[in-house]
Amino acid sequence: MTHTMIGYARCSTDKQDLAAQKGILAEMGIAADRIYTDHGFTGSNRLRPGLDQALAAVRAGDTFVVPKLDRLARSVPDARAIADALAARGVKLQLGSSVHDPTDPMGKMFFNILATFAEFEADLIRMRTREGMAVARAKGKLRGKKPKLSDRQQRELRRMYDTGDYSVSDLAELFSISRPTVYRTLSRSAGEVTAKAA
């Protein structure tokens, strides 16, 4: 069995984003020649040559690494299919700094939650012009607010927070937003509840 880390990065149109992802993978110790990429392919497009090459490169005992789950797949079935195929081959799947354990019930649930919110995020991405914002942000010219969560995401965030099982940091990672945005969303939803009660 080998013990190699294979990295994968993908972006639809934003070169800055691809460079950032490759930087994250490099910081994890993945060699440049072990990082496979796709540029100009959407997450919903399963025909991704870079991903196919990366999946073909891994062997039993290796670790397949992506910066975030939404870089790997944009639908829950696709994410599960890839994760299951890797597990069947004896390959570990690492999402950022977390290694997905398909045999752990909590790990399985967390993976499904991430995949579900990756789909939500895909809807938001289609509604905003990412490339211009990313370039401006990289040059320090953009200090605007991050895109808001959809009403559905805001309700889900509130529900998850109210269960007491998720910290603000957990929610920020799950929804790919900053902690201040989580606080603003919770404060806004609390205000709406108060207004309705009045």
C-alpha atoms as a PDB file:
ATOM      1  CA  MET A   1       0.000   0.000   0.000  1.00  0.00           C
ATOM      2  CA  THR A   2       1.163   3.526  -0.790  1.00  0.00           C
ATOM      3  CA  HIS A   3       0.821   6.576   1.459  1.00  0.00           C
ATOM      4  CA  THR A   4       0.637   9.476  -0.967  1.00  0.00           C
ATOM      5  CA  MET A   5      -1.479  12.620  -0.693  1.00  0.00           C
ATOM      6  CA  ILE A   6      -3.221  13.549  -3.935  1.00  0.00           C
ATOM      7  CA  GLY A   7      -4.807  16.992  -4.160  1.00  0.00           C
ATOM      8  CA  TYR A   8      -7.647  18.278  -6.315  1.00  0.00           C
ATOM      9  CA  ALA A   9      -8.797  21.858  -6.933  1.00  0.00           C
ATOM     10  CA  ARG A  10     -11.550  23.205  -9.168  1.00  0.00           C
ATOM     11  CA  CYS A  11     -13.029  26.541 -10.124  1.00  0.00           C
ATOM     12  CA  SER A  12     -15.591  27.549 -12.716  1.00  0.00           C
ATOM     13  CA  THR A  13     -14.191  30.856 -13.983  1.00  0.00           C
ATOM     14  CA  ASP A  14     -12.127  32.421 -11.203  1.00  0.00           C
ATOM     15  CA  LYS A  15      -8.358  31.924 -11.574  1.00  0.00           C
ATOM     16  CA  GLN A  16      -7.698  33.663  -8.261  1.00  0.00           C
ATOM     17  CA  ASP A  17      -9.807  31.049  -6.500  1.00  0.00           C
ATOM     18  CA  LEU A  18      -7.900  28.218  -8.157  1.00  0.00           C
ATOM     19  CA  ALA A  19      -4.572  29.710  -7.060  1.00  0.00           C
ATOM     20  CA  ALA A  20      -5.854  30.016  -3.491  1.00  0.00           C
ATOM     21  CA  GLN A  21      -6.982  26.392  -3.444  1.00  0.00           C
ATOM     22  CA  LYS A  22      -3.634  25.201  -4.790  1.00  0.00           C
ATOM     23  CA  GLY A  23      -1.948  27.263  -2.101  1.00  0.00           C
ATOM     24  CA  ILE A  24      -4.010  25.557   0.608  1.00  0.00           C
ATOM     25  CA  LEU A  25      -3.142  22.125  -0.766  1.00  0.00           C
ATOM     26  CA  ALA A  26       0.552  23.031  -0.954  1.00  0.00           C
ATOM     27  CA  GLU A  27       0.484  24.164   2.683  1.00  0.00           C
ATOM     28  CA  MET A  28      -0.813  20.712   3.586  1.00  0.00           C
ATOM     29  CA  GLY A  29       2.379  19.257   2.144  1.00  0.00           C
ATOM     30  CA  ILE A  30       1.036  18.072  -1.203  1.00  0.00           C
ATOM     31  CA  ALA A  31       3.633  18.224  -3.976  1.00  0.00           C
ATOM     32  CA  ALA A  32       2.798  20.426  -6.963  1.00  0.00           C
ATOM     33  CA  ASP A  33       2.916  17.455  -9.328  1.00  0.00           C
ATOM     34  CA  ARG A  34       0.371  15.678  -7.119  1.00  0.00           C
ATOM     35  CA  ILE A  35      -2.215  18.452  -7.423  1.00  0.00           C
ATOM     36  CA  TYR A  36      -4.788  18.016 -10.201  1.00  0.00           C
ATOM     37  CA  THR A  37      -7.038  20.843 -11.329  1.00  0.00           C
ATOM     38  CA  ASP A  38     -10.075  21.673 -13.412  1.00  0.00           C
ATOM     39  CA  HIS A  39     -10.720  25.197 -14.636  1.00  0.00           C
ATOM     40  CA  GLY A  40     -13.865  26.264 -16.398  1.00  0.00           C
ATOM     41  CA  PHE A  41     -15.920  23.247 -15.289  1.00  0.00           C
ATOM     42  CA  THR A  42     -18.930  23.626 -13.028  1.00  0.00           C
ATOM     43  CA  GLY A  43     -19.481  21.384 -10.032  1.00  0.00           C
ATOM     44  CA  SER A  44     -22.610  19.966 -11.635  1.00  0.00           C
ATOM     45  CA  ASN A  45     -20.608  18.868 -14.687  1.00  0.00           C
ATOM     46  CA  ARG A  46     -19.356  15.362 -13.901  1.00  0.00           C
ATOM     47  CA  LEU A  47     -17.110  15.392 -16.995  1.00  0.00           C
ATOM     48  CA  ARG A  48     -14.056  16.865 -15.276  1.00  0.00           C
ATOM     49  CA  PRO A  49     -10.771  15.556 -16.732  1.00  0.00           C
ATOM     50  CA  GLY A  50      -8.650  16.821 -13.814  1.00  0.00           C
ATOM     51  CA  LEU A  51     -10.862  15.022 -11.300  1.00  0.00           C
ATOM     52  CA  ASP A  52     -10.779  11.841 -13.357  1.00  0.00           C
ATOM     53  CA  GLN A  53      -6.973  12.000 -13.484  1.00  0.00           C
ATOM     54  CA  ALA A  54      -6.751  12.600  -9.731  1.00  0.00           C
ATOM     55  CA  LEU A  55      -9.079   9.703  -8.943  1.00  0.00           C
ATOM     56  CA  ALA A  56      -7.063   7.469 -11.272  1.00  0.00           C
ATOM     57  CA  ALA A  57      -3.823   8.489  -9.533  1.00  0.00           C
ATOM     58  CA  VAL A  58      -4.800   7.400  -6.015  1.00  0.00           C
ATOM     59  CA  ARG A  59      -4.007   3.917  -4.725  1.00  0.00           C
ATOM     60  CA  ALA A  60      -5.001   1.978  -1.622  1.00  0.00           C
ATOM     61  CA  GLY A  61      -3.543   3.716   1.427  1.00  0.00           C
ATOM     62  CA  ASP A  62      -3.407   7.145  -0.249  1.00  0.00           C
ATOM     63  CA  THR A  63      -5.333  10.223   0.869  1.00  0.00           C
ATOM     64  CA  PHE A  64      -7.418  12.223  -1.603  1.00  0.00           C
ATOM     65  CA  VAL A  65      -7.517  15.874  -0.482  1.00  0.00           C
ATOM     66  CA  VAL A  66      -9.822  18.732  -1.524  1.00  0.00           C
ATOM     67  CA  PRO A  67      -9.877  22.183   0.158  1.00  0.00           C
ATOM     68  CA  LYS A  68     -13.674  22.027   0.530  1.00  0.00           C
ATOM     69  CA  LEU A  69     -16.334  19.489  -0.351  1.00  0.00           C
ATOM     70  CA  ASP A  70     -18.002  21.836  -2.865  1.00  0.00           C
ATOM     71  CA  ARG A  71     -14.800  21.713  -4.946  1.00  0.00           C
ATOM     72  CA  LEU A  72     -15.326  17.975  -5.335  1.00  0.00           C
ATOM     73  CA  ALA A  73     -19.066  17.812  -5.995  1.00  0.00           C
ATOM     74  CA  ARG A  74     -22.124  20.025  -6.072  1.00  0.00           C
ATOM     75  CA  SER A  75     -24.773  17.384  -5.478  1.00  0.00           C
ATOM     76  CA  VAL A  76     -25.274  15.013  -2.577  1.00  0.00           C
ATOM     77  CA  PRO A  77     -25.515  11.882  -4.792  1.00  0.00           C
ATOM     78  CA  ASP A  78     -22.305  12.811  -6.638  1.00  0.00           C
ATOM     79  CA  ALA A  79     -20.444  13.474  -3.377  1.00  0.00           C
ATOM     80  CA  ARG A  80     -21.591  10.197  -1.873  1.00  0.00           C
ATOM     81  CA  ALA A  81     -20.700   8.245  -5.010  1.00  0.00           C
ATOM     82  CA  ILE A  82     -17.156   9.627  -5.068  1.00  0.00           C
ATOM     83  CA  ALA A  83     -16.665   9.135  -1.319  1.00  0.00           C
ATOM     84  CA  ASP A  84     -17.999   5.581  -1.443  1.00  0.00           C
ATOM     85  CA  ALA A  85     -15.819   4.710  -4.445  1.00  0.00           C
ATOM     86  CA  LEU A  86     -12.713   6.029  -2.669  1.00  0.00           C
ATOM     87  CA  ALA A  87     -13.552   4.126   0.527  1.00  0.00           C
ATOM     88  CA  ALA A  88     -14.072   0.918  -1.459  1.00  0.00           C
ATOM     89  CA  ARG A  89     -10.570   1.315  -2.892  1.00  0.00           C
ATOM     90  CA  GLY A  90      -9.032   1.902   0.538  1.00  0.00           C
ATOM     91  CA  VAL A  91      -8.433   5.601  -0.110  1.00  0.00           C
ATOM     92  CA  LYS A  92      -9.050   8.213   2.597  1.00  0.00           C
ATOM     93  CA  LEU A  93     -10.973  11.389   1.728  1.00  0.00           C
ATOM     94  CA  GLN A  94      -9.759  14.566   3.400  1.00  0.00           C
ATOM     95  CA  LEU A  95     -11.881  17.748   3.319  1.00  0.00           C
ATOM     96  CA  GLY A  96      -9.615  20.615   4.301  1.00  0.00           C
ATOM     97  CA  SER A  97      -7.998  19.513   7.559  1.00  0.00           C
ATOM     98  CA  SER A  98     -10.665  16.905   8.372  1.00  0.00           C
ATOM     99  CA  VAL A  99     -10.415  13.290   7.246  1.00  0.00           C
ATOM    100  CA  HIS A 100     -13.818  11.799   6.399  1.00  0.00           C
ATOM    101  CA  ASP A 101     -14.438   8.460   8.098  1.00  0.00           C
ATOM    102  CA  PRO A 102     -17.263   6.607   6.285  1.00  0.00           C
ATOM    103  CA  THR A 103     -17.480   4.073   9.117  1.00  0.00           C
ATOM    104  CA  ASP A 104     -18.239   6.711  11.759  1.00  0.00           C
ATOM    105  CA  PRO A 105     -21.990   7.578  12.006  1.00  0.00           C
ATOM    106  CA  MET A 106     -21.261  11.175  13.093  1.00  0.00           C
ATOM    107  CA  GLY A 107     -18.696  11.565  10.335  1.00  0.00           C
ATOM    108  CA  LYS A 108     -21.202  10.243   7.827  1.00  0.00           C
ATOM    109  CA  MET A 109     -23.878  12.685   9.011  1.00  0.00           C
ATOM    110  CA  PHE A 110     -21.458  15.619   8.908  1.00  0.00           C
ATOM    111  CA  PHE A 111     -20.426  14.674   5.369  1.00  0.00           C
ATOM    112  CA  ASN A 112     -24.079  14.609   4.250  1.00  0.00           C
ATOM    113  CA  ILE A 113     -24.703  17.999   5.855  1.00  0.00           C
ATOM    114  CA  LEU A 114     -21.692  19.480   4.071  1.00  0.00           C
ATOM    115  CA  ALA A 115     -22.839  18.020   0.752  1.00  0.00           C
ATOM    116  CA  THR A 116     -26.340  19.436   1.232  1.00  0.00           C
ATOM    117  CA  PHE A 117     -25.064  22.917   1.951  1.00  0.00           C
ATOM    118  CA  ALA A 118     -22.675  22.696  -0.973  1.00  0.00           C
ATOM    119  CA  GLU A 119     -25.791  22.439  -3.141  1.00  0.00           C
ATOM    120  CA  PHE A 120     -27.271  25.504  -1.441  1.00  0.00           C
ATOM    121  CA  GLU A 121     -24.041  27.392  -2.023  1.00  0.00           C
ATOM    122  CA  ALA A 122     -24.134  26.459  -5.710  1.00  0.00           C
ATOM    123  CA  ASP A 123     -27.449  28.299  -6.026  1.00  0.00           C
ATOM    124  CA  LEU A 124     -25.908  31.425  -4.522  1.00  0.00           C
ATOM    125  CA  ILE A 125     -22.845  31.216  -6.734  1.00  0.00           C
ATOM    126  CA  ARG A 126     -24.974  31.218  -9.868  1.00  0.00           C
ATOM    127  CA  MET A 127     -26.555  34.470  -8.708  1.00  0.00           C
ATOM    128  CA  ARG A 128     -23.406  36.532  -8.221  1.00  0.00           C
ATOM    129  CA  THR A 129     -20.465  37.600 -10.305  1.00  0.00           C
ATOM    130  CA  ARG A 130     -17.622  35.876  -8.527  1.00  0.00           C
ATOM    131  CA  GLU A 131     -14.695  36.669 -10.770  1.00  0.00           C
ATOM    132  CA  GLY A 132     -14.895  40.452 -10.531  1.00  0.00           C
ATOM    133  CA  MET A 133     -15.405  40.325  -6.768  1.00  0.00           C
ATOM    134  CA  ALA A 134     -12.492  37.950  -6.205  1.00  0.00           C
ATOM    135  CA  VAL A 135     -10.068  40.001  -8.312  1.00  0.00           C
ATOM    136  CA  ALA A 136     -11.110  43.214  -6.563  1.00  0.00           C
ATOM    137  CA  ARG A 137     -10.799  41.571  -3.152  1.00  0.00           C
ATOM    138  CA  ALA A 138      -7.336  40.212  -4.006  1.00  0.00           C
ATOM    139  CA  LYS A 139      -6.233  43.764  -4.883  1.00  0.00           C
ATOM    140  CA  GLY A 140      -7.704  45.109  -1.667  1.00  0.00           C
ATOM    141  CA  LYS A 141     -10.334  47.173  -3.472  1.00  0.00           C
ATOM    142  CA  LEU A 142     -13.380  45.316  -2.228  1.00  0.00           C
ATOM    143  CA  ARG A 143     -14.535  45.531   1.362  1.00  0.00           C
ATOM    144  CA  GLY A 144     -18.218  44.826   0.846  1.00  0.00           C
ATOM    145  CA  LYS A 145     -20.362  42.353   2.701  1.00  0.00           C
ATOM    146  CA  LYS A 146     -20.303  38.707   1.756  1.00  0.00           C
ATOM    147  CA  PRO A 147     -23.292  37.424  -0.205  1.00  0.00           C
ATOM    148  CA  LYS A 148     -26.248  36.861   2.075  1.00  0.00           C
ATOM    149  CA  LEU A 149     -27.609  33.446   2.843  1.00  0.00           C
ATOM    150  CA  SER A 150     -30.878  32.456   1.264  1.00  0.00           C
ATOM    151  CA  ASP A 151     -33.998  32.533   3.447  1.00  0.00           C
ATOM    152  CA  ARG A 152     -33.870  28.756   3.595  1.00  0.00           C
ATOM    153  CA  GLN A 153     -30.252  28.750   4.741  1.00  0.00           C
ATOM    154  CA  GLN A 154     -30.954  31.414   7.370  1.00  0.00           C
ATOM    155  CA  ARG A 155     -33.812  29.359   8.801  1.00  0.00           C
ATOM    156  CA  GLU A 156     -31.646  26.224   8.818  1.00  0.00           C
ATOM    157  CA  LEU A 157     -28.770  28.072  10.483  1.00  0.00           C
ATOM    158  CA  ARG A 158     -31.132  29.340  13.208  1.00  0.00           C
ATOM    159  CA  ARG A 159     -32.599  25.871  13.692  1.00  0.00           C
ATOM    160  CA  MET A 160     -29.183  24.243  13.981  1.00  0.00           C
ATOM    161  CA  TYR A 161     -27.963  26.910  16.422  1.00  0.00           C
ATOM    162  CA  ASP A 162     -31.054  26.492  18.609  1.00  0.00           C
ATOM    163  CA  THR A 163     -30.377  22.760  18.988  1.00  0.00           C
ATOM    164  CA  GLY A 164     -27.275  23.650  20.991  1.00  0.00           C
ATOM    165  CA  ASP A 165     -25.240  21.076  19.061  1.00  0.00           C
ATOM    166  CA  TYR A 166     -23.386  23.581  16.881  1.00  0.00           C
ATOM    167  CA  SER A 167     -21.090  26.438  17.861  1.00  0.00           C
ATOM    168  CA  VAL A 168     -20.834  29.672  15.891  1.00  0.00           C
ATOM    169  CA  SER A 169     -17.525  28.400  14.479  1.00  0.00           C
ATOM    170  CA  ASP A 170     -19.193  25.147  13.364  1.00  0.00           C
ATOM    171  CA  LEU A 171     -21.957  27.069  11.595  1.00  0.00           C
ATOM    172  CA  ALA A 172     -19.482  29.438   9.947  1.00  0.00           C
ATOM    173  CA  GLU A 173     -17.608  26.442   8.488  1.00  0.00           C
ATOM    174  CA  LEU A 174     -20.764  24.573   7.465  1.00  0.00           C
ATOM    175  CA  PHE A 175     -22.237  27.570   5.636  1.00  0.00           C
ATOM    176  CA  SER A 176     -18.882  28.890   4.333  1.00  0.00           C
ATOM    177  CA  ILE A 177     -19.413  32.295   5.935  1.00  0.00           C
ATOM    178  CA  SER A 178     -17.602  34.390   8.542  1.00  0.00           C
ATOM    179  CA  ARG A 179     -18.443  34.282  12.235  1.00  0.00           C
ATOM    180  CA  PRO A 180     -19.713  37.906  12.182  1.00  0.00           C
ATOM    181  CA  THR A 181     -22.135  36.887   9.417  1.00  0.00           C
ATOM    182  CA  VAL A 182     -23.404  34.041  11.617  1.00  0.00           C
ATOM    183  CA  TYR A 183     -23.956  36.502  14.480  1.00  0.00           C
ATOM    184  CA  ARG A 184     -25.762  38.953  12.170  1.00  0.00           C
ATOM    185  CA  THR A 185     -27.989  36.181  10.832  1.00  0.00           C
ATOM    186  CA  LEU A 186     -28.863  34.970  14.344  1.00  0.00           C
ATOM    187  CA  SER A 187     -29.517  38.523  15.524  1.00  0.00           C
ATOM    188  CA  ARG A 188     -31.730  39.239  12.517  1.00  0.00           C
ATOM    189  CA  SER A 189     -33.761  36.055  13.001  1.00  0.00           C
ATOM    190  CA  ALA A 190     -34.171  36.789  16.717  1.00  0.00           C
ATOM    191  CA  GLY A 191     -35.463  40.248  15.843  1.00  0.00           C
ATOM    192  CA  GLU A 192     -38.014  38.789  13.432  1.00  0.00           C
ATOM    193  CA  VAL A 193     -39.283  36.415  16.092  1.00  0.00           C
ATOM    194  CA  THR A 194     -39.663  39.296  18.560  1.00  0.00           C
ATOM    195  CA  ALA A 195     -41.511  41.399  15.987  1.00  0.00           C
ATOM    196  CA  LYS A 196     -43.934  38.567  15.228  1.00  0.00           C
ATOM    197  CA  ALA A 197     -44.585  38.025  18.920  1.00  0.00           C
ATOM    198  CA  ALA A 198     -45.397  41.711  19.335  1.00  0.00           C
END
